[in-house]
Amino acid sequence: MKVLVPIKRVVDYNVKVRVKADNSGVDLANVKMSMNPFCEIAVEEAVRLKEKGVATEIVAVTVGPAAAQEQLRTALALGADRAILVEANEELNSLAVAKLLKAVVYKEQPQLVILGKQAIDSDNNQTGQMLAALCGYAQGTFASKVEVSGDKVRVAREIDGGSQTVELSLPAIVTTDLRLNEPRYASLPNIMKAKKKPLETVTPDALGVSTASTVKTLKVEAPAARSAGIKVKSVAELVEKLKNEAKVI
């Protein structure tokens, strides 16, 4: 079984994000970039399926600039067999990315697509669902457990108030939640081996996909700074401030 794992290049979660002076976007100059944490979970799950003998090949794919090869090499070091870079330098919305991934899915014909439920930069939680709709595949979102048996995949998914288990017919799309697994670290030997694994570069035009966006970002602003807290001397004073100053009771 072939497993396709889409990943995304994002600002490292340890980096303090800064907005450009003209409010046109996030300042990425000299900023450390990493694989999206939810994507790391997706790669880990695919590798575990291969270790169990369920998956035979893992293909990592990303949509982004040439520099995103670094994150693909990380996926290869973690256990992916080969990688595909859909090179696009402009910022793409979720639908454009889903259309590109659909073209890759049709080209590669994987039985299972595993991707992170959302990216920590745009935080949209849209691409997986859009990809499933475009491909006409069954989908299991927010997965906390994945079990493949024959031509079925059983997904335990996080929902409000508990967990729901769904059974999907392959091919299917699965998006990963935090509780699914704990991603491993890439060992030095595997990092060296990853440099020799195949990495293919294609363009949106070669895939026959238009990435023209119907959404335009008008302005990006940092969240308002929070005012400093204060200490109160009694419960009565706390209640008074909550009632008259904060006006929450």
Protein backbone atom coordinates (compact mmCIF):
# COMPACT_ATOMS: atom_id res chain seq x y z
CA MET A 1 0.00 0.00 0.00
CA LYS A 2 1.27 3.44 -0.96
CA VAL A 3 0.84 6.26 1.56
CA LEU A 4 1.04 9.91 0.52
CA VAL A 5 1.97 12.40 3.25
CA PRO A 6 1.55 16.11 2.44
CA ILE A 7 3.64 18.36 4.71
CA LYS A 8 4.02 22.11 5.11
CA ARG A 9 6.96 24.44 5.74
CA VAL A 10 6.12 26.86 8.56
CA VAL A 11 7.87 29.20 10.98
CA ASP A 12 9.36 27.09 13.78
CA TYR A 13 7.01 27.00 16.77
CA ASN A 14 9.78 28.25 19.07
CA VAL A 15 10.22 31.46 17.06
CA LYS A 16 8.46 34.66 18.12
CA VAL A 17 6.48 35.74 15.05
CA ARG A 18 6.82 39.36 13.93
CA VAL A 19 4.58 41.27 11.56
CA LYS A 20 6.09 43.32 8.73
CA ALA A 21 6.13 47.09 9.21
CA ASP A 22 3.67 47.58 6.36
CA ASN A 23 1.26 44.96 7.81
CA SER A 24 1.39 42.97 4.57
CA GLY A 25 2.29 39.70 6.28
CA VAL A 26 4.66 37.91 8.65
CA ASP A 27 8.36 38.78 8.50
CA LEU A 28 10.20 35.63 7.36
CA ALA A 29 13.65 37.20 6.91
CA ASN A 30 16.31 35.14 8.73
CA VAL A 31 13.62 33.16 10.52
CA LYS A 32 14.04 29.46 11.32
CA MET A 33 11.58 27.33 9.34
CA SER A 34 10.50 23.80 10.23
CA MET A 35 8.00 21.12 9.34
CA ASN A 36 4.52 21.83 10.68
CA PRO A 37 4.11 19.85 13.97
CA PHE A 38 0.86 18.21 12.82
CA CYS A 39 2.68 17.11 9.64
CA GLU A 40 5.38 15.48 11.78
CA ILE A 41 2.63 13.40 13.38
CA ALA A 42 1.36 12.42 9.91
CA VAL A 43 4.84 11.31 8.81
CA GLU A 44 5.27 9.33 12.02
CA GLU A 45 1.97 7.53 11.53
CA ALA A 46 2.88 6.61 7.96
CA VAL A 47 6.26 5.27 9.12
CA ARG A 48 4.56 3.20 11.82
CA LEU A 49 2.22 1.73 9.22
CA LYS A 50 5.25 0.76 7.16
CA GLU A 51 6.95 -0.78 10.19
CA LYS A 52 3.82 -2.89 10.76
CA GLY A 53 4.02 -4.13 7.18
CA VAL A 54 0.81 -2.34 6.18
CA ALA A 55 2.42 0.33 3.99
CA THR A 56 5.01 -0.52 1.34
CA GLU A 57 5.94 3.00 0.20
CA ILE A 58 5.73 6.46 1.76
CA VAL A 59 5.76 9.51 -0.50
CA ALA A 60 6.15 12.95 1.11
CA VAL A 61 4.91 15.98 -0.82
CA THR A 62 4.90 19.70 -0.16
CA VAL A 63 3.77 22.83 -1.95
CA GLY A 64 6.13 25.76 -1.51
CA PRO A 65 9.41 27.44 -2.49
CA ALA A 66 12.62 25.60 -3.35
CA ALA A 67 13.74 26.06 0.27
CA ALA A 68 11.00 23.62 1.31
CA GLN A 69 13.29 20.82 0.14
CA GLU A 70 14.78 21.03 3.64
CA GLN A 71 11.50 19.91 5.21
CA LEU A 72 11.12 17.17 2.61
CA ARG A 73 14.61 15.91 3.48
CA THR A 74 13.50 15.85 7.12
CA ALA A 75 10.53 13.67 6.13
CA LEU A 76 12.88 11.39 4.20
CA ALA A 77 15.15 11.15 7.24
CA LEU A 78 12.15 10.19 9.38
CA GLY A 79 11.32 7.29 7.07
CA ALA A 80 9.67 8.48 3.85
CA ASP A 81 10.96 6.70 0.72
CA ARG A 82 10.81 9.59 -1.75
CA ALA A 83 9.57 13.14 -1.98
CA ILE A 84 7.82 15.53 -4.37
CA LEU A 85 8.14 19.31 -4.29
CA VAL A 86 5.43 21.28 -6.06
CA GLU A 87 7.41 24.48 -6.43
CA ALA A 88 5.33 27.61 -5.92
CA ASN A 89 6.85 30.84 -4.63
CA GLU A 90 3.63 32.75 -4.12
CA GLU A 91 1.48 32.34 -1.01
CA LEU A 92 -1.35 29.94 -1.80
CA ASN A 93 -4.67 29.51 -0.04
CA SER A 94 -6.03 26.17 1.15
CA LEU A 95 -8.11 25.51 -1.96
CA ALA A 96 -5.17 26.08 -4.31
CA VAL A 97 -3.02 23.71 -2.24
CA ALA A 98 -5.81 21.11 -2.21
CA LYS A 99 -6.11 21.32 -6.02
CA LEU A 100 -2.35 20.77 -6.38
CA LEU A 101 -2.46 17.85 -3.96
CA LYS A 102 -5.38 16.38 -5.90
CA ALA A 103 -3.22 16.40 -9.04
CA VAL A 104 -0.44 14.63 -7.12
CA VAL A 105 -2.93 12.09 -5.74
CA TYR A 106 -4.18 11.30 -9.24
CA LYS A 107 -0.59 10.97 -10.45
CA GLU A 108 0.64 8.76 -7.58
CA GLN A 109 -2.59 6.82 -6.87
CA PRO A 110 -1.97 6.27 -3.13
CA GLN A 111 -4.38 4.11 -1.15
CA LEU A 112 -4.09 6.38 1.89
CA VAL A 113 -3.33 10.09 2.30
CA ILE A 114 -2.30 11.22 5.80
CA LEU A 115 -1.81 14.90 6.56
CA GLY A 116 -1.88 17.23 9.54
CA LYS A 117 -5.30 18.57 10.48
CA GLN A 118 -4.02 22.16 10.33
CA ALA A 119 -0.89 24.28 10.00
CA ILE A 120 0.31 26.44 12.89
CA ASP A 121 0.72 29.49 10.62
CA SER A 122 -2.57 29.89 8.75
CA ASP A 123 -4.45 27.66 11.25
CA ASN A 124 -7.22 27.07 8.70
CA ASN A 125 -7.98 23.36 9.16
CA GLN A 126 -9.27 23.18 5.57
CA THR A 127 -6.86 21.46 3.20
CA GLY A 128 -7.57 17.85 4.19
CA GLN A 129 -11.33 18.26 3.91
CA MET A 130 -11.05 20.11 0.60
CA LEU A 131 -8.74 17.43 -0.79
CA ALA A 132 -11.19 14.69 0.19
CA ALA A 133 -14.06 16.56 -1.49
CA LEU A 134 -12.08 17.20 -4.68
CA CYS A 135 -10.95 13.57 -4.92
CA GLY A 136 -14.29 12.11 -3.87
CA TYR A 137 -12.55 10.07 -1.14
CA ALA A 138 -13.81 9.15 2.30
CA GLN A 139 -12.29 11.24 5.08
CA GLY A 140 -11.46 10.75 8.76
CA THR A 141 -10.46 14.02 10.39
CA PHE A 142 -8.80 14.79 13.75
CA ALA A 143 -7.54 11.21 14.04
CA SER A 144 -6.36 9.99 17.44
CA LYS A 145 -6.04 6.35 16.28
CA VAL A 146 -5.65 4.77 12.83
CA GLU A 147 -6.02 1.07 12.05
CA VAL A 148 -5.81 -0.37 8.53
CA SER A 149 -7.36 -3.74 7.79
CA GLY A 150 -7.67 -4.97 4.21
CA ASP A 151 -9.39 -2.33 2.13
CA LYS A 152 -10.74 -0.49 5.18
CA VAL A 153 -9.24 2.02 7.59
CA ARG A 154 -10.76 2.61 11.02
CA VAL A 155 -10.23 6.09 12.45
CA ALA A 156 -10.94 7.19 16.02
CA ARG A 157 -11.50 10.92 15.76
CA GLU A 158 -11.65 13.70 18.33
CA ILE A 159 -15.06 15.41 18.52
CA ASP A 160 -16.70 17.78 20.98
CA GLY A 161 -17.48 15.80 24.08
CA GLY A 162 -15.55 12.63 23.27
CA SER A 163 -14.40 10.33 20.47
CA GLN A 164 -16.09 8.96 17.36
CA THR A 165 -14.90 5.91 15.42
CA VAL A 166 -15.53 5.74 11.68
CA GLU A 167 -14.66 3.06 9.13
CA LEU A 168 -13.58 4.26 5.70
CA SER A 169 -13.16 2.42 2.43
CA LEU A 170 -9.76 2.94 0.79
CA PRO A 171 -8.62 5.14 -0.83
CA ALA A 172 -9.17 7.61 1.97
CA ILE A 173 -7.95 10.87 3.50
CA VAL A 174 -6.94 11.03 7.18
CA THR A 175 -5.99 14.20 9.07
CA THR A 176 -3.99 13.85 12.27
CA ASP A 177 -4.62 15.22 15.75
CA LEU A 178 -2.08 15.67 18.55
CA ARG A 179 -3.04 12.48 20.42
CA LEU A 180 -2.31 10.17 17.49
CA ASN A 181 1.37 9.59 18.27
CA GLU A 182 4.66 11.07 19.46
CA PRO A 183 6.94 11.84 16.48
CA ARG A 184 10.46 10.41 16.57
CA TYR A 185 13.71 12.30 16.06
CA ALA A 186 15.71 11.70 12.90
CA SER A 187 18.99 9.91 13.60
CA LEU A 188 22.24 11.13 12.06
CA PRO A 189 22.64 8.03 9.84
CA ASN A 190 19.10 8.49 8.52
CA ILE A 191 19.73 12.19 7.89
CA MET A 192 22.74 11.21 5.76
CA LYS A 193 20.75 8.53 3.92
CA ALA A 194 17.97 11.06 3.22
CA LYS A 195 20.35 13.08 1.07
CA LYS A 196 20.47 10.20 -1.44
CA LYS A 197 16.73 9.51 -1.56
CA PRO A 198 14.87 10.74 -4.68
CA LEU A 199 13.27 14.18 -4.58
CA GLU A 200 11.23 15.21 -7.62
CA THR A 201 10.38 18.84 -8.40
CA VAL A 202 7.29 19.74 -10.42
CA THR A 203 5.43 22.98 -11.12
CA PRO A 204 1.71 23.79 -10.90
CA ASP A 205 1.71 24.28 -14.68
CA ALA A 206 3.14 20.81 -15.21
CA LEU A 207 0.32 19.42 -13.08
CA GLY A 208 -2.20 21.41 -15.09
CA VAL A 209 -3.47 23.33 -12.06
CA SER A 210 -4.25 27.05 -11.84
CA THR A 211 -3.31 28.53 -8.47
CA ALA A 212 -5.11 31.85 -8.98
CA SER A 213 -6.60 32.84 -5.64
CA THR A 214 -10.04 34.29 -4.97
CA VAL A 215 -8.91 35.40 -1.52
CA LYS A 216 -6.70 38.43 -0.85
CA THR A 217 -5.02 39.26 2.46
CA LEU A 218 -5.69 42.90 3.19
CA LYS A 219 -3.87 43.34 6.47
CA VAL A 220 -1.96 41.34 9.08
CA GLU A 221 -1.73 42.61 12.65
CA ALA A 222 -0.12 41.30 15.81
CA PRO A 223 -2.55 40.61 18.67
CA ALA A 224 -3.09 43.48 21.09
CA ALA A 225 -0.69 43.49 24.03
CA ARG A 226 -2.27 42.30 27.26
CA SER A 227 -2.19 44.68 30.20
CA ALA A 228 -0.35 43.61 33.32
CA GLY A 229 -2.27 41.83 36.05
CA ILE A 230 -2.72 43.09 39.61
CA LYS A 231 -2.85 41.51 43.04
CA VAL A 232 -5.87 41.98 45.25
CA LYS A 233 -5.92 41.81 49.03
CA SER A 234 -9.25 40.11 49.55
CA VAL A 235 -12.05 38.18 47.87
CA ALA A 236 -14.31 41.19 48.32
CA GLU A 237 -11.88 43.38 46.38
CA LEU A 238 -11.62 40.73 43.63
CA VAL A 239 -15.41 40.57 43.30
CA GLU A 240 -15.64 44.36 43.23
CA LYS A 241 -13.10 44.63 40.41
CA LEU A 242 -14.70 41.81 38.40
CA LYS A 243 -18.06 43.53 38.74
CA ASN A 244 -17.16 47.20 38.25
CA GLU A 245 -13.92 47.19 36.22
CA ALA A 246 -13.86 43.96 34.18
CA LYS A 247 -17.69 43.85 34.12
CA VAL A 248 -17.71 40.06 33.78
CA ILE A 249 -20.11 39.37 36.65
